[in-house]
Amino acid sequence: MTTEADIETFQAFNNYDFDNDEKFQFGMSSILKSSEEDPSTHDEVVERAKWFYYTKFIKSFDLETFREWNSKNDSEKSKKETKVESNEDKEKKDDDTPRRFTFQELVEMIETGQEIPGIRQIPNKINEGTPSEAKLSVRQKPWETAAATITTTEPPVTTTTTAATTSTEETTTTTATEETKPTSSSSE
């Protein structure tokens, strides 16, 4: 069981300003450098360092007893906080959620000219601001780039080469057919 004196010590420990204690911060920096290898134990290392410093320089107490008290105290606080938050959430939900209308109610509101809650009025005008100027040049389409390259190259050389290739292919083809005819006649 924890006594009144223990509870006062635990509360004083929880409220102690370790962040502004220069001696503690100096020692803590060297401890954190050595514990960087295992980040999963970071919180426990910090808690043990705070306990060691507090018991050495201010007032001694049992760490395990403090942990038990702290876990009970935290669970009670969290229960109270969740109850308060849930009550606040219910109140907010009542205020924030707009009423949902049935189709018939909407029709009646429109026919009578009433404003429907939750609908924004959008003005029927175009943006009156001046448009920005284009900073990039207009990109050419693929057929525009192909037309530009044809006009820059030298013409007819490719057409003459194509005709010569065609006549060479015809000669080769006739020679191949003549050779096959004698072989077929000798086999008869």
C-alpha atoms as a PDB file:
ATOM      1  CA  MET A   1       0.000   0.000   0.000  1.00  0.00           C
ATOM      2  CA  THR A   2       1.128   3.490  -0.710  1.00  0.00           C
ATOM      3  CA  THR A   3       1.126   5.998   2.115  1.00  0.00           C
ATOM      4  CA  GLU A   4       0.272   9.701   2.015  1.00  0.00           C
ATOM      5  CA  ALA A   5       3.980  10.542   2.102  1.00  0.00           C
ATOM      6  CA  ASP A   6       4.641   8.232  -0.863  1.00  0.00           C
ATOM      7  CA  ILE A   7       1.811   9.797  -2.844  1.00  0.00           C
ATOM      8  CA  GLU A   8       3.166  13.287  -2.149  1.00  0.00           C
ATOM      9  CA  THR A   9       6.643  12.150  -3.239  1.00  0.00           C
ATOM     10  CA  PHE A  10       5.252  10.571  -6.423  1.00  0.00           C
ATOM     11  CA  GLN A  11       3.288  13.709  -7.278  1.00  0.00           C
ATOM     12  CA  ALA A  12       6.353  15.864  -6.639  1.00  0.00           C
ATOM     13  CA  PHE A  13       8.382  13.543  -8.885  1.00  0.00           C
ATOM     14  CA  ASN A  14       5.769  13.782 -11.676  1.00  0.00           C
ATOM     15  CA  ASN A  15       5.717  17.582 -11.377  1.00  0.00           C
ATOM     16  CA  TYR A  16       9.503  18.023 -11.202  1.00  0.00           C
ATOM     17  CA  ASP A  17      10.903  20.116 -14.088  1.00  0.00           C
ATOM     18  CA  PHE A  18      13.595  17.818 -15.504  1.00  0.00           C
ATOM     19  CA  ASP A  19      13.716  19.825 -18.751  1.00  0.00           C
ATOM     20  CA  ASN A  20      15.178  22.905 -17.060  1.00  0.00           C
ATOM     21  CA  ASP A  21      17.526  21.074 -14.661  1.00  0.00           C
ATOM     22  CA  GLU A  22      21.008  21.584 -16.143  1.00  0.00           C
ATOM     23  CA  LYS A  23      22.703  18.763 -14.178  1.00  0.00           C
ATOM     24  CA  PHE A  24      20.058  16.287 -15.266  1.00  0.00           C
ATOM     25  CA  GLN A  25      20.189  17.395 -18.909  1.00  0.00           C
ATOM     26  CA  PHE A  26      23.991  17.073 -18.959  1.00  0.00           C
ATOM     27  CA  GLY A  27      23.850  13.496 -17.670  1.00  0.00           C
ATOM     28  CA  MET A  28      20.863  12.641 -19.838  1.00  0.00           C
ATOM     29  CA  SER A  29      22.655  13.612 -23.049  1.00  0.00           C
ATOM     30  CA  SER A  30      25.421  11.075 -22.404  1.00  0.00           C
ATOM     31  CA  ILE A  31      22.878   8.389 -21.449  1.00  0.00           C
ATOM     32  CA  LEU A  32      20.855   8.964 -24.618  1.00  0.00           C
ATOM     33  CA  LYS A  33      23.954   8.749 -26.802  1.00  0.00           C
ATOM     34  CA  SER A  34      24.751   5.316 -25.432  1.00  0.00           C
ATOM     35  CA  SER A  35      21.131   4.104 -25.695  1.00  0.00           C
ATOM     36  CA  GLU A  36      20.619   5.163 -29.336  1.00  0.00           C
ATOM     37  CA  GLU A  37      21.374   1.605 -30.371  1.00  0.00           C
ATOM     38  CA  ASP A  38      17.994   0.357 -29.046  1.00  0.00           C
ATOM     39  CA  PRO A  39      15.171   2.901 -29.536  1.00  0.00           C
ATOM     40  CA  SER A  40      12.532   0.511 -28.149  1.00  0.00           C
ATOM     41  CA  THR A  41      13.855   0.998 -24.599  1.00  0.00           C
ATOM     42  CA  HIS A  42      14.175   4.788 -24.880  1.00  0.00           C
ATOM     43  CA  ASP A  43      11.201   5.597 -22.609  1.00  0.00           C
ATOM     44  CA  GLU A  44      12.321   3.152 -19.938  1.00  0.00           C
ATOM     45  CA  VAL A  45      15.868   4.530 -20.005  1.00  0.00           C
ATOM     46  CA  VAL A  46      14.556   8.081 -19.584  1.00  0.00           C
ATOM     47  CA  GLU A  47      12.265   7.035 -16.723  1.00  0.00           C
ATOM     48  CA  ARG A  48      15.092   5.200 -14.919  1.00  0.00           C
ATOM     49  CA  ALA A  49      17.427   8.182 -15.379  1.00  0.00           C
ATOM     50  CA  LYS A  50      14.827  10.556 -13.927  1.00  0.00           C
ATOM     51  CA  TRP A  51      14.247   8.207 -10.988  1.00  0.00           C
ATOM     52  CA  PHE A  52      17.987   7.834 -10.328  1.00  0.00           C
ATOM     53  CA  TYR A  53      18.573  11.593 -10.420  1.00  0.00           C
ATOM     54  CA  TYR A  54      15.563  12.375  -8.242  1.00  0.00           C
ATOM     55  CA  THR A  55      16.412   9.739  -5.604  1.00  0.00           C
ATOM     56  CA  LYS A  56      20.081  10.778  -5.525  1.00  0.00           C
ATOM     57  CA  PHE A  57      19.624  14.556  -5.239  1.00  0.00           C
ATOM     58  CA  ILE A  58      16.090  15.213  -3.958  1.00  0.00           C
ATOM     59  CA  LYS A  59      14.217  12.374  -2.208  1.00  0.00           C
ATOM     60  CA  SER A  60      14.514   8.609  -2.354  1.00  0.00           C
ATOM     61  CA  PHE A  61      11.589   6.303  -3.221  1.00  0.00           C
ATOM     62  CA  ASP A  62      10.954   2.816  -4.634  1.00  0.00           C
ATOM     63  CA  LEU A  63      10.618   2.743  -8.426  1.00  0.00           C
ATOM     64  CA  GLU A  64       8.330  -0.315  -8.537  1.00  0.00           C
ATOM     65  CA  THR A  65       5.922   1.220  -6.014  1.00  0.00           C
ATOM     66  CA  PHE A  66       5.884   4.400  -8.097  1.00  0.00           C
ATOM     67  CA  ARG A  67       5.136   2.450 -11.281  1.00  0.00           C
ATOM     68  CA  GLU A  68       2.207   0.657  -9.617  1.00  0.00           C
ATOM     69  CA  TRP A  69       0.820   3.930  -8.273  1.00  0.00           C
ATOM     70  CA  ASN A  70       1.362   5.684 -11.603  1.00  0.00           C
ATOM     71  CA  SER A  71      -0.400   2.963 -13.615  1.00  0.00           C
ATOM     72  CA  LYS A  72      -3.424   3.059 -11.265  1.00  0.00           C
ATOM     73  CA  ASN A  73      -3.442   6.838 -11.297  1.00  0.00           C
ATOM     74  CA  ASP A  74      -3.155   6.981 -15.115  1.00  0.00           C
ATOM     75  CA  SER A  75      -5.992   4.498 -15.599  1.00  0.00           C
ATOM     76  CA  GLU A  76      -8.273   6.524 -13.302  1.00  0.00           C
ATOM     77  CA  LYS A  77      -7.360   9.744 -15.121  1.00  0.00           C
ATOM     78  CA  SER A  78      -7.947   8.184 -18.527  1.00  0.00           C
ATOM     79  CA  LYS A  79     -11.380   6.906 -17.427  1.00  0.00           C
ATOM     80  CA  LYS A  80     -12.356  10.369 -16.225  1.00  0.00           C
ATOM     81  CA  GLU A  81     -10.983  11.996 -19.385  1.00  0.00           C
ATOM     82  CA  THR A  82     -12.833   9.599 -21.673  1.00  0.00           C
ATOM     83  CA  LYS A  83     -16.099  10.262 -19.825  1.00  0.00           C
ATOM     84  CA  VAL A  84     -15.603  14.014 -20.156  1.00  0.00           C
ATOM     85  CA  GLU A  85     -14.577  13.686 -23.816  1.00  0.00           C
ATOM     86  CA  SER A  86     -17.546  11.459 -24.640  1.00  0.00           C
ATOM     87  CA  ASN A  87     -19.947  13.998 -23.093  1.00  0.00           C
ATOM     88  CA  GLU A  88     -18.280  16.798 -25.067  1.00  0.00           C
ATOM     89  CA  ASP A  89     -18.408  14.721 -28.253  1.00  0.00           C
ATOM     90  CA  LYS A  90     -22.145  14.134 -27.822  1.00  0.00           C
ATOM     91  CA  GLU A  91     -22.718  17.853 -27.409  1.00  0.00           C
ATOM     92  CA  LYS A  92     -20.606  18.643 -30.475  1.00  0.00           C
ATOM     93  CA  LYS A  93     -22.370  16.023 -32.573  1.00  0.00           C
ATOM     94  CA  ASP A  94     -25.714  17.554 -31.685  1.00  0.00           C
ATOM     95  CA  ASP A  95     -24.491  20.992 -32.751  1.00  0.00           C
ATOM     96  CA  ASP A  96     -22.423  20.042 -35.809  1.00  0.00           C
ATOM     97  CA  THR A  97     -24.696  17.625 -37.627  1.00  0.00           C
ATOM     98  CA  PRO A  98     -27.225  19.417 -39.797  1.00  0.00           C
ATOM     99  CA  ARG A  99     -30.766  18.159 -39.758  1.00  0.00           C
ATOM    100  CA  ARG A 100     -31.500  15.729 -42.562  1.00  0.00           C
ATOM    101  CA  PHE A 101     -34.637  16.629 -44.457  1.00  0.00           C
ATOM    102  CA  THR A 102     -36.962  14.221 -46.192  1.00  0.00           C
ATOM    103  CA  PHE A 103     -37.680  14.621 -49.878  1.00  0.00           C
ATOM    104  CA  GLN A 104     -41.152  15.985 -49.140  1.00  0.00           C
ATOM    105  CA  GLU A 105     -39.739  18.604 -46.761  1.00  0.00           C
ATOM    106  CA  LEU A 106     -37.199  19.694 -49.381  1.00  0.00           C
ATOM    107  CA  VAL A 107     -39.929  20.020 -52.014  1.00  0.00           C
ATOM    108  CA  GLU A 108     -42.029  22.154 -49.670  1.00  0.00           C
ATOM    109  CA  MET A 109     -39.051  24.375 -48.835  1.00  0.00           C
ATOM    110  CA  ILE A 110     -38.302  24.925 -52.521  1.00  0.00           C
ATOM    111  CA  GLU A 111     -41.950  25.640 -53.376  1.00  0.00           C
ATOM    112  CA  THR A 112     -42.286  28.185 -50.577  1.00  0.00           C
ATOM    113  CA  GLY A 113     -38.939  29.800 -51.426  1.00  0.00           C
ATOM    114  CA  GLN A 114     -37.278  29.031 -48.105  1.00  0.00           C
ATOM    115  CA  GLU A 115     -33.506  28.778 -47.917  1.00  0.00           C
ATOM    116  CA  ILE A 116     -32.249  25.218 -47.470  1.00  0.00           C
ATOM    117  CA  PRO A 117     -29.641  25.053 -44.694  1.00  0.00           C
ATOM    118  CA  GLY A 118     -26.202  23.768 -45.650  1.00  0.00           C
ATOM    119  CA  ILE A 119     -26.357  24.832 -49.305  1.00  0.00           C
ATOM    120  CA  ARG A 120     -23.928  27.509 -50.471  1.00  0.00           C
ATOM    121  CA  GLN A 121     -24.971  30.184 -52.912  1.00  0.00           C
ATOM    122  CA  ILE A 122     -22.619  30.223 -55.900  1.00  0.00           C
ATOM    123  CA  PRO A 123     -22.535  33.506 -57.860  1.00  0.00           C
ATOM    124  CA  ASN A 124     -23.473  33.414 -61.568  1.00  0.00           C
ATOM    125  CA  LYS A 125     -20.448  35.338 -62.826  1.00  0.00           C
ATOM    126  CA  ILE A 126     -17.069  34.465 -64.240  1.00  0.00           C
ATOM    127  CA  ASN A 127     -13.847  35.312 -62.458  1.00  0.00           C
ATOM    128  CA  GLU A 128     -13.196  38.984 -63.073  1.00  0.00           C
ATOM    129  CA  GLY A 129      -9.464  38.808 -62.412  1.00  0.00           C
ATOM    130  CA  THR A 130      -6.961  39.152 -65.256  1.00  0.00           C
ATOM    131  CA  PRO A 131      -5.591  35.818 -66.441  1.00  0.00           C
ATOM    132  CA  SER A 132      -1.888  35.109 -66.114  1.00  0.00           C
ATOM    133  CA  GLU A 133       0.373  35.118 -69.154  1.00  0.00           C
ATOM    134  CA  ALA A 134       1.913  31.927 -70.520  1.00  0.00           C
ATOM    135  CA  LYS A 135       5.566  31.548 -69.571  1.00  0.00           C
ATOM    136  CA  LEU A 136       6.408  28.505 -71.702  1.00  0.00           C
ATOM    137  CA  SER A 137       6.480  28.391 -75.493  1.00  0.00           C
ATOM    138  CA  VAL A 138       3.840  26.331 -77.269  1.00  0.00           C
ATOM    139  CA  ARG A 139       5.013  22.757 -77.733  1.00  0.00           C
ATOM    140  CA  GLN A 140       4.950  21.438 -81.313  1.00  0.00           C
ATOM    141  CA  LYS A 141       2.777  18.473 -82.194  1.00  0.00           C
ATOM    142  CA  PRO A 142       4.460  15.334 -83.588  1.00  0.00           C
ATOM    143  CA  TRP A 143       3.345  16.046 -87.158  1.00  0.00           C
ATOM    144  CA  GLU A 144       4.639  19.594 -86.903  1.00  0.00           C
ATOM    145  CA  THR A 145       8.092  18.382 -85.839  1.00  0.00           C
ATOM    146  CA  ALA A 146       8.181  15.822 -88.706  1.00  0.00           C
ATOM    147  CA  ALA A 147       7.286  18.511 -91.274  1.00  0.00           C
ATOM    148  CA  ALA A 148      10.059  20.733 -89.964  1.00  0.00           C
ATOM    149  CA  THR A 149      12.698  17.985 -90.383  1.00  0.00           C
ATOM    150  CA  ILE A 150      11.631  17.134 -93.954  1.00  0.00           C
ATOM    151  CA  THR A 151      12.056  20.702 -95.125  1.00  0.00           C
ATOM    152  CA  THR A 152      15.532  20.945 -93.621  1.00  0.00           C
ATOM    153  CA  THR A 153      16.963  17.744 -95.180  1.00  0.00           C
ATOM    154  CA  GLU A 154      18.157  17.452 -98.766  1.00  0.00           C
ATOM    155  CA  PRO A 155      15.463  16.043-101.074  1.00  0.00           C
ATOM    156  CA  PRO A 156      15.668  13.468-103.956  1.00  0.00           C
ATOM    157  CA  VAL A 157      18.740  11.478-102.844  1.00  0.00           C
ATOM    158  CA  THR A 158      16.593   8.921-101.052  1.00  0.00           C
ATOM    159  CA  THR A 159      14.254   8.407-104.042  1.00  0.00           C
ATOM    160  CA  THR A 160      17.068   7.494-106.439  1.00  0.00           C
ATOM    161  CA  THR A 161      18.490   4.968-104.026  1.00  0.00           C
ATOM    162  CA  THR A 162      15.108   3.314-103.659  1.00  0.00           C
ATOM    163  CA  ALA A 163      14.723   2.866-107.435  1.00  0.00           C
ATOM    164  CA  ALA A 164      18.182   1.293-107.757  1.00  0.00           C
ATOM    165  CA  THR A 165      17.434  -1.148-105.000  1.00  0.00           C
ATOM    166  CA  THR A 166      14.230  -2.210-106.704  1.00  0.00           C
ATOM    167  CA  SER A 167      15.925  -2.954-110.050  1.00  0.00           C
ATOM    168  CA  THR A 168      18.620  -5.013-108.310  1.00  0.00           C
ATOM    169  CA  GLU A 169      15.986  -7.077-106.539  1.00  0.00           C
ATOM    170  CA  GLU A 170      14.239  -7.868-109.848  1.00  0.00           C
ATOM    171  CA  THR A 171      17.478  -9.133-111.382  1.00  0.00           C
ATOM    172  CA  THR A 172      18.154 -11.364-108.453  1.00  0.00           C
ATOM    173  CA  THR A 173      14.660 -12.744-108.573  1.00  0.00           C
ATOM    174  CA  THR A 174      14.844 -13.684-112.280  1.00  0.00           C
ATOM    175  CA  THR A 175      18.172 -15.398-111.839  1.00  0.00           C
ATOM    176  CA  ALA A 176      16.839 -17.479-109.022  1.00  0.00           C
ATOM    177  CA  THR A 177      13.851 -18.635-111.077  1.00  0.00           C
ATOM    178  CA  GLU A 178      15.989 -19.607-114.081  1.00  0.00           C
ATOM    179  CA  GLU A 179      18.215 -21.807-111.946  1.00  0.00           C
ATOM    180  CA  THR A 180      15.278 -23.646-110.484  1.00  0.00           C
ATOM    181  CA  LYS A 181      13.815 -24.485-113.911  1.00  0.00           C
ATOM    182  CA  PRO A 182      16.710 -26.613-115.146  1.00  0.00           C
ATOM    183  CA  THR A 183      16.796 -28.608-111.933  1.00  0.00           C
ATOM    184  CA  SER A 184      13.125 -29.343-112.204  1.00  0.00           C
ATOM    185  CA  SER A 185      13.438 -30.427-115.888  1.00  0.00           C
ATOM    186  CA  SER A 186      16.323 -32.813-115.183  1.00  0.00           C
ATOM    187  CA  SER A 187      14.419 -34.575-112.462  1.00  0.00           C
ATOM    188  CA  GLU A 188      11.568 -35.389-114.915  1.00  0.00           C
END
